[in-house]
């Protein structure tokens, strides 16, 4: 019984990332962007992502 519970917990833990939200880029966003002085990650993400608060997920 204990092995079954551990196996189930492990399987659910590995499957969880498959259900996570994906980043959606706004239409018209460039494939490449050159950072200029004064840019912030928040500003760039707000310009090109539909959900800018998820910008940390871009680095995964």
C-alpha atoms as a PDB file:
ATOM      1  CA  UNK A   1       0.000   0.000   0.000  1.00  0.00           C
ATOM      2  CA  UNK A   2       2.794   2.407   0.918  1.00  0.00           C
ATOM      3  CA  UNK A   3       4.546   1.818  -2.424  1.00  0.00           C
ATOM      4  CA  UNK A   4       1.299   2.550  -4.255  1.00  0.00           C
ATOM      5  CA  UNK A   5       0.870   5.875  -2.467  1.00  0.00           C
ATOM      6  CA  UNK A   6       4.471   6.871  -3.134  1.00  0.00           C
ATOM      7  CA  UNK A   7       4.136   5.880  -6.807  1.00  0.00           C
ATOM      8  CA  UNK A   8       0.917   7.864  -7.159  1.00  0.00           C
ATOM      9  CA  UNK A   9       2.415  10.942  -5.510  1.00  0.00           C
ATOM     10  CA  UNK A  10       5.482  10.731  -7.739  1.00  0.00           C
ATOM     11  CA  UNK A  11       3.379  10.328 -10.885  1.00  0.00           C
ATOM     12  CA  UNK A  12       1.221  13.328  -9.989  1.00  0.00           C
ATOM     13  CA  UNK A  13       4.302  15.411  -9.191  1.00  0.00           C
ATOM     14  CA  UNK A  14       5.834  14.641 -12.558  1.00  0.00           C
ATOM     15  CA  UNK A  15       2.587  15.295 -14.429  1.00  0.00           C
ATOM     16  CA  UNK A  16       1.892  18.640 -12.743  1.00  0.00           C
ATOM     17  CA  UNK A  17       4.122  20.746 -15.049  1.00  0.00           C
ATOM     18  CA  UNK A  18       2.111  19.470 -18.016  1.00  0.00           C
ATOM     19  CA  UNK A  19      -0.929  21.311 -16.654  1.00  0.00           C
ATOM     20  CA  UNK A  20       0.827  24.620 -16.050  1.00  0.00           C
ATOM     21  CA  UNK A  21      -0.051  27.734 -18.005  1.00  0.00           C
ATOM     22  CA  UNK A  22       1.922  28.519 -21.099  1.00  0.00           C
ATOM     23  CA  UNK A  23       3.147  31.935 -22.079  1.00  0.00           C
ATOM     24  CA  UNK A  24       1.196  33.599 -24.848  1.00  0.00           C
ATOM     25  CA  UNK A  25       2.868  36.228 -26.970  1.00  0.00           C
ATOM     26  CA  UNK A  26       0.832  39.118 -28.349  1.00  0.00           C
ATOM     27  CA  UNK A  27       0.264  39.230 -32.116  1.00  0.00           C
ATOM     28  CA  UNK A  28       2.884  41.283 -33.906  1.00  0.00           C
ATOM     29  CA  UNK A  29       5.619  40.691 -31.321  1.00  0.00           C
ATOM     30  CA  UNK A  30       9.062  40.454 -32.903  1.00  0.00           C
ATOM     31  CA  UNK A  31      11.024  37.215 -32.878  1.00  0.00           C
ATOM     32  CA  UNK A  32      14.017  39.137 -31.486  1.00  0.00           C
ATOM     33  CA  UNK A  33      14.236  42.268 -29.366  1.00  0.00           C
ATOM     34  CA  UNK A  34      17.308  44.348 -28.595  1.00  0.00           C
ATOM     35  CA  UNK A  35      17.312  45.767 -25.084  1.00  0.00           C
ATOM     36  CA  UNK A  36      17.960  49.498 -24.904  1.00  0.00           C
ATOM     37  CA  UNK A  37      18.967  51.659 -21.975  1.00  0.00           C
ATOM     38  CA  UNK A  38      16.031  52.189 -19.648  1.00  0.00           C
ATOM     39  CA  UNK A  39      14.239  48.941 -20.554  1.00  0.00           C
ATOM     40  CA  UNK A  40      12.940  46.791 -17.715  1.00  0.00           C
ATOM     41  CA  UNK A  41      11.813  43.174 -17.795  1.00  0.00           C
ATOM     42  CA  UNK A  42       8.393  44.321 -16.653  1.00  0.00           C
ATOM     43  CA  UNK A  43       8.165  46.863 -19.478  1.00  0.00           C
ATOM     44  CA  UNK A  44       9.289  44.424 -22.160  1.00  0.00           C
ATOM     45  CA  UNK A  45       6.960  41.702 -20.913  1.00  0.00           C
ATOM     46  CA  UNK A  46       4.053  44.150 -20.787  1.00  0.00           C
ATOM     47  CA  UNK A  47       4.699  45.070 -24.389  1.00  0.00           C
ATOM     48  CA  UNK A  48       4.903  41.529 -25.795  1.00  0.00           C
ATOM     49  CA  UNK A  49       3.221  39.036 -23.431  1.00  0.00           C
ATOM     50  CA  UNK A  50      -0.514  38.642 -22.899  1.00  0.00           C
ATOM     51  CA  UNK A  51       0.185  37.827 -19.233  1.00  0.00           C
ATOM     52  CA  UNK A  52       3.181  40.032 -18.364  1.00  0.00           C
ATOM     53  CA  UNK A  53       3.341  38.894 -14.725  1.00  0.00           C
ATOM     54  CA  UNK A  54       4.465  35.472 -15.997  1.00  0.00           C
ATOM     55  CA  UNK A  55       7.749  36.776 -17.460  1.00  0.00           C
ATOM     56  CA  UNK A  56       9.885  34.725 -15.015  1.00  0.00           C
ATOM     57  CA  UNK A  57       8.625  31.590 -16.806  1.00  0.00           C
ATOM     58  CA  UNK A  58      10.435  32.685 -19.977  1.00  0.00           C
ATOM     59  CA  UNK A  59      13.747  31.565 -18.567  1.00  0.00           C
ATOM     60  CA  UNK A  60      12.747  27.953 -18.020  1.00  0.00           C
END
